[in-house]
Amino acid sequence: MAKIENGRQLDTRSIRTISSSHIDDESSLGSDSEINGFTSDRQTDKYGFIGGAQQYSEETAQEVPPEVLRQREVKWLDMLSHWDKWMVKRHNKVRLRCQKGIPPALRGRAWLYLSGGKVKREQNQGKFQELDSLPGDPKWLDVIEKDLHRQFPFHEMFVSRGGHGQQDLFRVLKAYTLYRPEEGYCQAQAPIAAVLLMHMPAEDAFWGLVQICEKYLPGYYSPGLEAIQLDGEILFALLRRVSPLSYRHLEKHKIDPILYMTEWFMCAFSRTLPWASVLRVWDMFLCDGVKIIFRVGLVLLKCMLGTREKLKVCQGQYETMELLRAIEPRYMQEGFLVREILEVPVTARDIEREHHTQLKRWKKNRGELNFRSPPRMHGARVILLAEPLRRQDLQQKPTIIAEVPMPPPLSNPQLKKEETSKEQKKSKKKKSIKKSSQPVAEIPNPYPLPNVPQHQPRDPPDQPPVVSEMPQTVSQTVTDTAHQQEQPPIDLPLAKESPLQLSTQSISSTEQDTYL
């Protein structure tokens, strides 16, 4: 059972094993809700935040009309059903729809497809369950448990210590330390995993985390943090082209990029921007790759340090750092930020070109890198084409499966009775069909054509003649047909019935009419 000491401390085993009796003894909000100051009359925004700087507000978010949202959902459902075709042949359309914003109802599924986590999960069935069942390295478990309550403490999923959100976060981070023991755990991985858990189950969040750490941001969370330092130099070099005034100011005061961009890049701005802006940035980031993260950083630096009026306020290194820690809300507003991101002239090719330049400079000044990270992949399309996949890996499966108890198996006599009753029903149906399919009586045509004899209903044929009388019967039939041809056609009087009845008769008689 978990123990609370001095109102803040929690036993380290409480995350892994929490007895149901202890949860029932606490309030319905969770085991630590009263201590954190939340009461039963709390108000949660549409993103799940109870308070804090990232809570929803009309000033920082854009509202999408419901009818537009429904149309986007239909389009995204079609794309997810034929994902490989859309990514290969119409990737620009997928990018455009990601820039407009993924519908909230499909965001988790779309993120899993964009990152390649869906294919990764299907190709490693049961791997997460295997890692989840292992005990893990105690060195990493203690660090992970200390960081759990720091991840989005104002979100209803993580507000309760030892709640379901923190338990799933612990499972995902522990599984990653077992999946990549050479990397272990980095504190910046926790908010990444927490954002994924807000939109998908633990297993999907784990594979999403794997893809972000290996494909989108390789080397960011490895020992030494050499990759993030290298990207800091790349950001500073790109800033020279995007905002020369900001570049000269930071160079003048010798402010190293690692001082202001580490949390931005390693957490993918999940702890910096308002939540509506975070979601839009992640939609584009998982589609187009790390160039979106670079663009966001360049936009913020340009907006905060790109004019001489702003530079008058920050005369030194301390003032500049304080300004970058408190970015003005108008520059982080969803609509403004997305427009500015799309206008920044930085491509994946520019980043790769600058990466090679900075890597040569690194090797010249500091020597070889201690940790060789895999090559970075710029976007969902590159990831999809780089890894072979099967068609069934992209098939959509229900996330929540309701287990319905099956009825007990029937004994042999009961099975026989059911089979016989089914056969009897089938035989009755066949009999009823035979009865209904009787020959229709011949109905005279009320509209005969001229010079066409009217067919009269014939009498039933007589008994078959004896073989010895065969020639006589043949001659009789010949004379009868000749006599019938000599007779003039008989005009029948029209029936005195309504036009509706006549029309029905004429339609039903088409099967017997020779001229139709």
Protein backbone atom coordinates (compact mmCIF):
# COMPACT_ATOMS: atom_id res chain seq x y z
CA MET A 1 0.00 0.00 0.00
CA ALA A 2 1.23 3.46 -0.83
CA LYS A 3 2.40 5.68 2.01
CA ILE A 4 2.23 9.46 1.99
CA GLU A 5 4.84 11.20 4.08
CA ASN A 6 4.68 14.94 4.88
CA GLY A 7 1.95 15.30 2.33
CA ARG A 8 4.28 14.90 -0.69
CA GLN A 9 6.37 11.72 -0.62
CA LEU A 10 5.16 8.44 -2.10
CA ASP A 11 6.56 4.97 -1.66
CA THR A 12 8.43 3.97 -4.83
CA ARG A 13 6.55 0.69 -5.06
CA SER A 14 3.22 2.48 -5.24
CA ILE A 15 3.48 3.05 -8.98
CA ARG A 16 3.86 -0.62 -9.73
CA THR A 17 1.42 -2.09 -7.22
CA ILE A 18 -1.49 -0.09 -5.90
CA SER A 19 -4.16 -1.95 -4.01
CA SER A 20 -7.74 -1.21 -4.92
CA SER A 21 -8.68 -0.72 -1.29
CA HIS A 22 -6.30 2.22 -1.00
CA ILE A 23 -7.80 3.91 -4.06
CA ASP A 24 -11.30 3.43 -2.70
CA ASP A 25 -10.31 5.03 0.61
CA GLU A 26 -9.19 8.19 -1.22
CA SER A 27 -11.43 10.58 -3.13
CA SER A 28 -12.79 9.81 -6.57
CA LEU A 29 -10.29 12.20 -8.10
CA GLY A 30 -7.32 10.02 -7.18
CA SER A 31 -4.99 9.21 -4.35
CA ASP A 32 -3.33 12.64 -4.29
CA SER A 33 -6.02 15.01 -5.53
CA GLU A 34 -6.76 16.76 -2.25
CA ILE A 35 -3.07 17.21 -1.54
CA ASN A 36 -2.59 18.82 -4.93
CA GLY A 37 -5.45 21.21 -4.16
CA PHE A 38 -8.10 19.90 -6.60
CA THR A 39 -11.68 19.52 -5.39
CA SER A 40 -14.74 17.85 -6.82
CA ASP A 41 -15.99 21.07 -8.48
CA ARG A 42 -12.97 21.32 -10.78
CA GLN A 43 -13.48 22.31 -14.41
CA THR A 44 -11.66 20.45 -17.14
CA ASP A 45 -11.12 21.94 -20.58
CA LYS A 46 -11.60 19.99 -23.80
CA TYR A 47 -7.98 18.83 -23.74
CA GLY A 48 -8.16 17.47 -20.18
CA PHE A 49 -6.32 20.29 -18.38
CA ILE A 50 -7.62 21.45 -15.00
CA GLY A 51 -5.38 24.52 -14.88
CA GLY A 52 -1.89 25.71 -15.69
CA ALA A 53 -0.44 27.72 -18.53
CA GLN A 54 -1.42 25.15 -21.18
CA GLN A 55 -5.13 25.20 -20.37
CA TYR A 56 -7.44 26.01 -23.27
CA SER A 57 -8.35 29.64 -23.93
CA GLU A 58 -10.08 31.29 -26.86
CA GLU A 59 -7.15 33.68 -27.27
CA THR A 60 -4.61 30.95 -28.04
CA ALA A 61 -6.75 28.48 -30.02
CA GLN A 62 -8.82 28.42 -33.19
CA GLU A 63 -12.31 26.93 -33.28
CA VAL A 64 -13.21 24.70 -36.23
CA PRO A 65 -16.92 24.57 -37.19
CA PRO A 66 -18.50 21.15 -36.54
CA GLU A 67 -19.52 20.64 -40.17
CA VAL A 68 -15.92 21.26 -41.30
CA LEU A 69 -14.68 18.86 -38.63
CA ARG A 70 -17.05 16.12 -39.87
CA GLN A 71 -15.82 16.57 -43.43
CA ARG A 72 -12.21 16.30 -42.33
CA GLU A 73 -12.98 13.15 -40.35
CA VAL A 74 -14.47 11.49 -43.44
CA LYS A 75 -11.38 12.39 -45.49
CA TRP A 76 -9.01 11.10 -42.82
CA LEU A 77 -10.92 7.84 -42.49
CA ASP A 78 -10.53 7.30 -46.22
CA MET A 79 -6.80 8.05 -46.04
CA LEU A 80 -6.25 5.69 -43.12
CA SER A 81 -8.07 2.92 -44.99
CA HIS A 82 -5.66 3.24 -47.96
CA TRP A 83 -2.63 4.62 -46.17
CA ASP A 84 0.16 3.23 -48.33
CA LYS A 85 -1.41 4.50 -51.56
CA TRP A 86 -1.94 7.99 -50.15
CA MET A 87 1.58 8.22 -48.79
CA VAL A 88 3.22 7.09 -52.02
CA LYS A 89 1.04 8.79 -54.64
CA ARG A 90 -0.62 11.74 -52.85
CA HIS A 91 1.73 12.66 -50.05
CA ASN A 92 1.36 16.39 -50.71
CA LYS A 93 -2.34 16.09 -49.96
CA VAL A 94 -1.58 14.28 -46.69
CA ARG A 95 0.86 17.07 -45.78
CA LEU A 96 -1.75 19.73 -46.53
CA ARG A 97 -4.31 18.02 -44.31
CA CYS A 98 -1.78 17.71 -41.50
CA GLN A 99 -1.09 21.43 -41.80
CA LYS A 100 -4.81 22.14 -41.46
CA GLY A 101 -4.92 20.02 -38.32
CA ILE A 102 -5.85 16.39 -37.73
CA PRO A 103 -9.39 15.91 -36.33
CA PRO A 104 -9.20 15.26 -32.56
CA ALA A 105 -11.18 12.03 -32.85
CA LEU A 106 -8.59 10.52 -35.22
CA ARG A 107 -5.41 12.21 -33.99
CA GLY A 108 -4.08 9.23 -32.03
CA ARG A 109 -4.60 6.81 -34.90
CA ALA A 110 -3.15 9.26 -37.43
CA TRP A 111 -0.06 9.87 -35.29
CA LEU A 112 0.53 6.12 -35.05
CA TYR A 113 0.32 5.75 -38.84
CA LEU A 114 2.45 8.83 -39.56
CA SER A 115 5.25 7.81 -37.22
CA GLY A 116 5.33 4.23 -38.49
CA GLY A 117 4.41 2.91 -35.06
CA LYS A 118 1.50 0.94 -36.52
CA VAL A 119 3.79 -1.11 -38.78
CA LYS A 120 6.36 -1.46 -36.00
CA ARG A 121 3.73 -2.81 -33.62
CA GLU A 122 2.36 -5.32 -36.13
CA GLN A 123 5.84 -6.58 -36.95
CA ASN A 124 6.67 -7.03 -33.24
CA GLN A 125 3.55 -8.66 -31.87
CA GLY A 126 3.79 -9.38 -28.14
CA LYS A 127 7.09 -7.50 -27.71
CA PHE A 128 5.63 -4.79 -25.47
CA GLN A 129 3.86 -7.36 -23.29
CA GLU A 130 7.14 -9.23 -22.95
CA LEU A 131 9.02 -6.09 -21.91
CA ASP A 132 6.21 -5.04 -19.59
CA SER A 133 6.39 -8.32 -17.72
CA LEU A 134 10.15 -7.99 -17.01
CA PRO A 135 11.27 -6.33 -13.76
CA GLY A 136 13.57 -3.73 -15.33
CA ASP A 137 16.80 -2.12 -14.17
CA PRO A 138 16.42 -0.66 -10.64
CA LYS A 139 18.78 2.17 -11.56
CA TRP A 140 16.34 3.48 -14.17
CA LEU A 141 13.17 2.61 -12.27
CA ASP A 142 14.02 4.91 -9.38
CA VAL A 143 14.71 7.84 -11.71
CA ILE A 144 11.52 7.22 -13.70
CA GLU A 145 9.36 7.13 -10.57
CA LYS A 146 10.77 10.45 -9.37
CA ASP A 147 9.86 12.08 -12.68
CA LEU A 148 6.29 10.80 -13.01
CA HIS A 149 4.55 13.52 -11.00
CA ARG A 150 6.39 16.25 -12.94
CA GLN A 151 4.75 15.40 -16.27
CA PHE A 152 1.74 17.63 -16.91
CA PRO A 153 0.62 17.86 -13.28
CA PHE A 154 -2.43 19.92 -14.32
CA HIS A 155 -3.76 17.29 -16.71
CA GLU A 156 -6.51 15.04 -15.39
CA MET A 157 -4.70 11.94 -16.65
CA PHE A 158 -1.59 12.60 -14.58
CA VAL A 159 -2.94 14.64 -11.65
CA SER A 160 -3.27 11.63 -9.33
CA ARG A 161 -0.13 10.07 -7.98
CA GLY A 162 -0.31 6.41 -8.69
CA GLY A 163 -3.27 6.89 -11.03
CA HIS A 164 -3.76 5.08 -14.30
CA GLY A 165 -1.97 7.76 -16.31
CA GLN A 166 1.17 7.59 -14.19
CA GLN A 167 1.08 3.80 -14.18
CA ASP A 168 0.94 3.65 -17.99
CA LEU A 169 3.70 6.26 -18.23
CA PHE A 170 5.87 4.15 -15.95
CA ARG A 171 5.21 1.04 -18.06
CA VAL A 172 6.10 2.79 -21.33
CA LEU A 173 9.32 4.34 -20.03
CA LYS A 174 10.40 1.14 -18.30
CA ALA A 175 9.77 -0.87 -21.48
CA TYR A 176 11.95 1.53 -23.47
CA THR A 177 14.89 1.12 -21.08
CA LEU A 178 14.64 -2.62 -21.69
CA TYR A 179 14.19 -2.17 -25.44
CA ARG A 180 17.25 0.12 -25.71
CA PRO A 181 19.45 -0.65 -22.69
CA GLU A 182 22.42 1.17 -24.24
CA GLU A 183 20.43 4.44 -24.12
CA GLY A 184 18.49 3.85 -20.92
CA TYR A 185 16.21 6.66 -19.76
CA CYS A 186 16.36 10.41 -20.34
CA GLN A 187 14.11 12.87 -18.51
CA ALA A 188 13.02 14.51 -21.77
CA GLN A 189 11.45 11.23 -22.89
CA ALA A 190 8.79 11.45 -20.19
CA PRO A 191 6.81 14.39 -21.68
CA ILE A 192 7.05 12.81 -25.16
CA ALA A 193 5.56 9.58 -23.85
CA ALA A 194 2.94 11.48 -21.84
CA VAL A 195 1.69 13.36 -24.92
CA LEU A 196 1.35 10.06 -26.78
CA LEU A 197 -0.50 8.47 -23.87
CA MET A 198 -3.09 11.26 -23.97
CA HIS A 199 -4.09 10.01 -27.43
CA MET A 200 -3.48 6.25 -27.52
CA PRO A 201 -3.08 3.12 -25.35
CA ALA A 202 0.19 2.21 -23.66
CA GLU A 203 1.37 -0.25 -26.31
CA ASP A 204 0.79 2.21 -29.16
CA ALA A 205 2.44 4.99 -27.15
CA PHE A 206 5.49 2.78 -26.64
CA TRP A 207 5.96 2.17 -30.36
CA GLY A 208 5.33 5.84 -31.08
CA LEU A 209 8.07 6.72 -28.60
CA VAL A 210 10.41 4.21 -30.25
CA GLN A 211 9.85 5.79 -33.66
CA ILE A 212 10.38 9.34 -32.41
CA CYS A 213 13.60 8.39 -30.59
CA GLU A 214 15.00 6.32 -33.47
CA LYS A 215 13.70 8.00 -36.64
CA TYR A 216 12.71 11.60 -35.92
CA LEU A 217 15.17 12.61 -33.16
CA PRO A 218 17.95 9.98 -33.18
CA GLY A 219 20.66 10.49 -30.59
CA TYR A 220 18.73 13.15 -28.66
CA TYR A 221 18.34 10.97 -25.58
CA SER A 222 21.66 9.14 -25.67
CA PRO A 223 24.41 9.72 -23.08
CA GLY A 224 26.33 12.94 -23.67
CA LEU A 225 23.48 14.62 -25.62
CA GLU A 226 25.82 15.16 -28.56
CA ALA A 227 23.02 15.12 -31.13
CA ILE A 228 21.12 17.95 -29.45
CA GLN A 229 24.29 20.04 -29.24
CA LEU A 230 24.91 19.48 -32.94
CA ASP A 231 21.35 20.51 -33.78
CA GLY A 232 21.83 23.63 -31.65
CA GLU A 233 24.68 24.67 -33.92
CA ILE A 234 22.52 23.92 -36.96
CA LEU A 235 19.72 26.10 -35.55
CA PHE A 236 22.15 28.96 -34.91
CA ALA A 237 23.51 28.73 -38.47
CA LEU A 238 20.00 28.75 -39.97
CA LEU A 239 19.08 31.74 -37.80
CA ARG A 240 21.74 33.77 -39.58
CA ARG A 241 19.77 33.46 -42.79
CA VAL A 242 16.26 33.78 -41.34
CA SER A 243 16.86 36.62 -38.84
CA PRO A 244 20.32 38.26 -39.06
CA LEU A 245 19.48 40.70 -36.28
CA SER A 246 18.70 37.92 -33.82
CA TYR A 247 21.81 36.04 -34.87
CA ARG A 248 24.11 39.01 -34.27
CA HIS A 249 22.56 39.71 -30.86
CA LEU A 250 23.03 36.13 -29.63
CA GLU A 251 26.56 36.02 -31.05
CA LYS A 252 27.42 39.34 -29.44
CA HIS A 253 26.44 38.18 -25.96
CA LYS A 254 27.91 34.69 -26.54
CA ILE A 255 24.68 32.89 -25.70
CA ASP A 256 25.16 29.25 -26.61
CA PRO A 257 22.14 27.61 -28.34
CA ILE A 258 22.13 24.78 -25.82
CA LEU A 259 20.98 27.28 -23.15
CA TYR A 260 17.61 28.07 -24.76
CA MET A 261 16.81 25.31 -27.28
CA THR A 262 17.40 22.12 -25.29
CA GLU A 263 13.91 21.86 -23.81
CA TRP A 264 12.32 23.11 -27.01
CA PHE A 265 13.82 20.38 -29.17
CA MET A 266 14.08 17.45 -26.75
CA CYS A 267 10.44 17.81 -25.65
CA ALA A 268 9.20 18.83 -29.12
CA PHE A 269 7.77 22.06 -27.62
CA SER A 270 5.27 20.05 -25.56
CA ARG A 271 6.18 22.02 -22.41
CA THR A 272 6.53 25.44 -24.04
CA LEU A 273 3.51 26.21 -26.21
CA PRO A 274 -0.22 26.38 -25.44
CA TRP A 275 -1.79 22.98 -25.92
CA ALA A 276 -3.71 23.84 -29.08
CA SER A 277 -0.44 24.95 -30.66
CA VAL A 278 1.37 21.83 -29.37
CA LEU A 279 -1.11 19.58 -31.17
CA ARG A 280 -0.82 21.48 -34.44
CA VAL A 281 2.99 21.42 -34.25
CA TRP A 282 2.97 17.68 -33.59
CA ASP A 283 0.60 17.07 -36.52
CA MET A 284 3.12 18.69 -38.86
CA PHE A 285 6.18 17.31 -37.05
CA LEU A 286 5.12 13.67 -37.42
CA CYS A 287 4.32 14.28 -41.09
CA ASP A 288 7.36 16.32 -42.20
CA GLY A 289 9.97 15.49 -39.59
CA VAL A 290 12.40 17.57 -37.58
CA LYS A 291 12.37 20.54 -39.95
CA ILE A 292 9.11 21.60 -38.25
CA ILE A 293 10.90 21.73 -34.89
CA PHE A 294 13.63 23.89 -36.43
CA ARG A 295 11.04 26.19 -37.97
CA VAL A 296 9.22 26.69 -34.66
CA GLY A 297 12.48 27.58 -32.95
CA LEU A 298 13.38 30.04 -35.70
CA VAL A 299 9.94 31.67 -35.53
CA LEU A 300 10.16 32.19 -31.75
CA LEU A 301 13.70 33.62 -31.95
CA LYS A 302 12.76 35.92 -34.80
CA CYS A 303 9.62 37.18 -33.04
CA MET A 304 11.34 37.78 -29.69
CA LEU A 305 14.69 39.16 -30.92
CA GLY A 306 14.07 40.22 -34.50
CA THR A 307 13.47 43.95 -34.00
CA ARG A 308 15.61 46.72 -32.56
CA GLU A 309 12.85 47.78 -30.17
CA LYS A 310 12.93 44.38 -28.51
CA LEU A 311 16.70 44.31 -28.34
CA LYS A 312 16.69 47.57 -26.38
CA VAL A 313 15.02 45.72 -23.49
CA CYS A 314 17.64 42.95 -23.27
CA GLN A 315 21.04 44.56 -22.94
CA GLY A 316 22.86 41.48 -21.67
CA GLN A 317 22.89 37.71 -21.47
CA TYR A 318 20.63 37.50 -18.42
CA GLU A 319 17.93 39.76 -19.88
CA THR A 320 18.02 37.85 -23.16
CA MET A 321 17.57 34.50 -21.44
CA GLU A 322 14.69 35.84 -19.34
CA LEU A 323 13.02 37.10 -22.50
CA LEU A 324 13.32 33.70 -24.19
CA ARG A 325 11.93 31.94 -21.11
CA ALA A 326 8.82 34.13 -21.13
CA ILE A 327 7.67 34.19 -24.75
CA GLU A 328 4.75 36.48 -25.45
CA PRO A 329 1.43 34.58 -25.86
CA ARG A 330 0.56 36.31 -29.13
CA TYR A 331 3.54 34.67 -30.81
CA MET A 332 2.46 31.22 -29.60
CA GLN A 333 -1.16 31.60 -30.70
CA GLU A 334 -2.24 28.66 -32.85
CA GLY A 335 -3.20 30.51 -36.03
CA PHE A 336 -0.26 32.93 -35.98
CA LEU A 337 2.32 30.25 -35.21
CA VAL A 338 1.16 27.85 -37.92
CA ARG A 339 1.20 30.59 -40.56
CA GLU A 340 4.70 31.65 -39.58
CA ILE A 341 5.97 28.05 -39.55
CA LEU A 342 4.77 27.49 -43.12
CA GLU A 343 6.47 30.66 -44.32
CA VAL A 344 9.95 29.87 -42.95
CA PRO A 345 12.20 29.00 -45.94
CA VAL A 346 13.94 26.01 -44.36
CA THR A 347 13.75 22.56 -45.96
CA ALA A 348 14.99 19.12 -45.01
CA ARG A 349 17.78 19.49 -47.57
CA ASP A 350 18.94 22.71 -45.90
CA ILE A 351 19.09 20.94 -42.55
CA GLU A 352 21.07 18.01 -43.94
CA ARG A 353 23.50 20.31 -45.72
CA GLU A 354 24.09 22.30 -42.55
CA HIS A 355 24.34 19.05 -40.57
CA HIS A 356 27.33 17.90 -42.65
CA THR A 357 28.97 21.30 -42.25
CA GLN A 358 28.58 21.34 -38.47
CA LEU A 359 29.64 17.69 -38.18
CA LYS A 360 32.93 18.46 -39.91
CA ARG A 361 33.47 21.41 -37.60
CA TRP A 362 32.65 19.23 -34.58
CA LYS A 363 35.19 16.60 -35.60
CA LYS A 364 37.81 19.27 -36.19
CA ASN A 365 37.34 20.92 -32.81
CA ARG A 366 36.20 18.06 -30.55
CA GLY A 367 37.05 14.83 -32.34
CA GLU A 368 34.76 11.94 -33.19
CA LEU A 369 31.31 11.56 -31.70
CA ASN A 370 31.11 9.18 -28.77
CA PHE A 371 27.66 7.91 -29.73
CA ARG A 372 26.86 6.99 -33.30
CA SER A 373 23.15 7.62 -33.83
CA PRO A 374 21.24 6.18 -36.80
CA PRO A 375 20.52 8.51 -39.74
CA ARG A 376 17.63 10.91 -39.25
CA MET A 377 14.53 10.39 -41.39
CA HIS A 378 12.67 13.50 -42.47
CA GLY A 379 9.00 12.67 -42.33
CA ALA A 380 6.43 9.91 -42.55
CA ARG A 381 6.88 9.18 -46.25
CA VAL A 382 10.61 8.52 -45.90
CA ILE A 383 9.96 6.21 -42.94
CA LEU A 384 7.27 4.30 -44.85
CA LEU A 385 9.48 3.77 -47.91
CA ALA A 386 12.57 2.86 -45.89
CA GLU A 387 11.02 -0.10 -44.09
CA PRO A 388 9.40 -2.99 -45.97
CA LEU A 389 5.84 -3.59 -44.85
CA ARG A 390 3.01 -5.96 -45.50
CA ARG A 391 -0.49 -4.87 -46.46
CA GLN A 392 -1.94 -6.42 -43.32
CA ASP A 393 0.38 -4.26 -41.19
CA LEU A 394 -1.72 -1.23 -42.12
CA GLN A 395 -5.13 -2.81 -41.56
CA GLN A 396 -7.15 -0.98 -38.95
CA LYS A 397 -8.10 -2.96 -35.90
CA PRO A 398 -10.36 -1.98 -33.02
CA THR A 399 -8.48 -0.55 -30.06
CA ILE A 400 -11.06 -1.68 -27.51
CA ILE A 401 -12.27 -5.26 -27.81
CA ALA A 402 -15.26 -6.26 -25.71
CA GLU A 403 -15.08 -9.89 -24.65
CA VAL A 404 -18.56 -11.42 -24.84
CA PRO A 405 -18.95 -14.74 -23.00
CA MET A 406 -19.68 -17.55 -25.42
CA PRO A 407 -22.68 -19.84 -24.76
CA PRO A 408 -21.85 -23.31 -23.40
CA PRO A 409 -21.40 -26.01 -26.04
CA LEU A 410 -24.53 -28.06 -26.71
CA SER A 411 -24.63 -31.81 -26.17
CA ASN A 412 -24.89 -34.23 -29.08
CA PRO A 413 -28.68 -34.88 -28.78
CA GLN A 414 -29.38 -31.16 -28.73
CA LEU A 415 -27.20 -30.61 -31.79
CA LYS A 416 -29.08 -33.34 -33.64
CA LYS A 417 -32.44 -31.84 -32.71
CA GLU A 418 -31.32 -28.42 -33.93
CA GLU A 419 -30.04 -29.88 -37.20
CA THR A 420 -33.29 -31.77 -37.82
CA SER A 421 -35.38 -28.67 -37.04
CA LYS A 422 -33.26 -26.64 -39.49
CA GLU A 423 -33.74 -29.29 -42.19
CA GLN A 424 -37.51 -29.32 -41.59
CA LYS A 425 -37.66 -25.55 -41.95
CA LYS A 426 -35.68 -25.73 -45.20
CA SER A 427 -38.00 -28.43 -46.60
CA LYS A 428 -41.08 -26.36 -45.68
CA LYS A 429 -39.62 -23.36 -47.47
CA LYS A 430 -38.96 -25.46 -50.59
CA LYS A 431 -42.55 -26.78 -50.55
CA SER A 432 -43.97 -23.28 -50.24
CA ILE A 433 -41.81 -22.15 -53.17
CA LYS A 434 -43.07 -25.07 -55.29
CA LYS A 435 -46.68 -24.26 -54.45
CA SER A 436 -46.27 -20.62 -55.33
CA SER A 437 -44.58 -21.44 -58.66
CA GLN A 438 -47.71 -22.95 -60.33
CA PRO A 439 -48.38 -22.29 -64.09
CA VAL A 440 -50.27 -19.06 -64.68
CA ALA A 441 -53.61 -19.43 -66.44
CA GLU A 442 -53.74 -18.14 -69.99
CA ILE A 443 -55.40 -14.74 -70.24
CA PRO A 444 -56.77 -13.60 -73.58
CA ASN A 445 -55.10 -10.51 -74.98
CA PRO A 446 -57.60 -7.61 -75.07
CA TYR A 447 -55.57 -5.85 -77.78
CA PRO A 448 -55.01 -8.37 -80.60
CA LEU A 449 -53.24 -7.24 -83.73
CA PRO A 450 -55.10 -7.47 -87.04
CA ASN A 451 -54.85 -10.73 -89.06
CA VAL A 452 -53.37 -12.50 -86.05
CA PRO A 453 -55.50 -15.36 -84.70
CA GLN A 454 -56.28 -15.20 -81.01
CA HIS A 455 -54.95 -18.16 -79.07
CA GLN A 456 -57.73 -20.04 -77.43
CA PRO A 457 -57.19 -22.10 -74.33
CA ARG A 458 -56.74 -25.66 -75.39
CA ASP A 459 -58.34 -28.69 -73.84
CA PRO A 460 -56.18 -31.18 -72.05
CA PRO A 461 -54.77 -33.80 -74.43
CA ASP A 462 -56.55 -37.14 -74.79
CA GLN A 463 -55.07 -40.46 -73.86
CA PRO A 464 -52.07 -41.37 -76.00
CA PRO A 465 -53.13 -43.44 -78.99
CA VAL A 466 -52.11 -47.01 -79.61
CA VAL A 467 -49.11 -47.62 -81.79
CA SER A 468 -51.20 -49.30 -84.47
CA GLU A 469 -53.40 -46.16 -84.92
CA MET A 470 -50.46 -43.81 -85.35
CA PRO A 471 -50.92 -42.96 -89.10
CA GLN A 472 -54.65 -42.20 -88.66
CA THR A 473 -54.08 -39.69 -85.85
CA VAL A 474 -51.39 -37.90 -87.81
CA SER A 475 -53.74 -37.36 -90.76
CA GLN A 476 -56.48 -36.08 -88.46
CA THR A 477 -54.24 -33.45 -86.95
CA VAL A 478 -53.17 -32.23 -90.37
CA THR A 479 -56.79 -31.74 -91.54
CA ASP A 480 -57.67 -29.97 -88.26
CA THR A 481 -54.89 -27.41 -88.64
CA ALA A 482 -55.88 -26.75 -92.26
CA HIS A 483 -59.50 -26.21 -91.22
CA GLN A 484 -58.42 -23.76 -88.57
CA GLN A 485 -56.44 -21.74 -91.08
CA GLU A 486 -59.50 -21.36 -93.37
CA GLN A 487 -61.64 -19.87 -90.58
CA PRO A 488 -61.66 -16.03 -90.41
CA PRO A 489 -60.26 -14.35 -87.29
CA ILE A 490 -62.78 -13.80 -84.56
CA ASP A 491 -62.84 -10.30 -82.99
CA LEU A 492 -63.52 -10.47 -79.30
CA PRO A 493 -65.39 -7.54 -77.70
CA LEU A 494 -63.32 -5.35 -75.36
CA ALA A 495 -63.94 -5.95 -71.71
CA LYS A 496 -65.80 -3.18 -69.93
CA GLU A 497 -63.24 -2.54 -67.21
CA SER A 498 -61.34 0.39 -65.87
CA PRO A 499 -58.09 1.52 -67.61
CA LEU A 500 -56.13 0.50 -64.54
CA GLN A 501 -57.44 -3.06 -64.70
CA LEU A 502 -56.80 -3.22 -68.43
CA SER A 503 -53.23 -2.08 -67.93
CA THR A 504 -52.61 -4.75 -65.32
CA GLN A 505 -54.03 -7.40 -67.55
CA SER A 506 -51.92 -6.34 -70.48
CA ILE A 507 -48.76 -6.38 -68.35
CA SER A 508 -49.51 -9.82 -66.92
CA SER A 509 -50.30 -11.23 -70.34
CA THR A 510 -46.97 -10.36 -71.88
CA GLU A 511 -45.63 -13.77 -70.97
CA GLN A 512 -48.22 -15.47 -73.23
CA ASP A 513 -48.32 -12.91 -76.10
CA THR A 514 -46.54 -14.10 -79.20
CA TYR A 515 -45.97 -10.61 -80.66
CA LEU A 516 -44.07 -9.21 -77.67
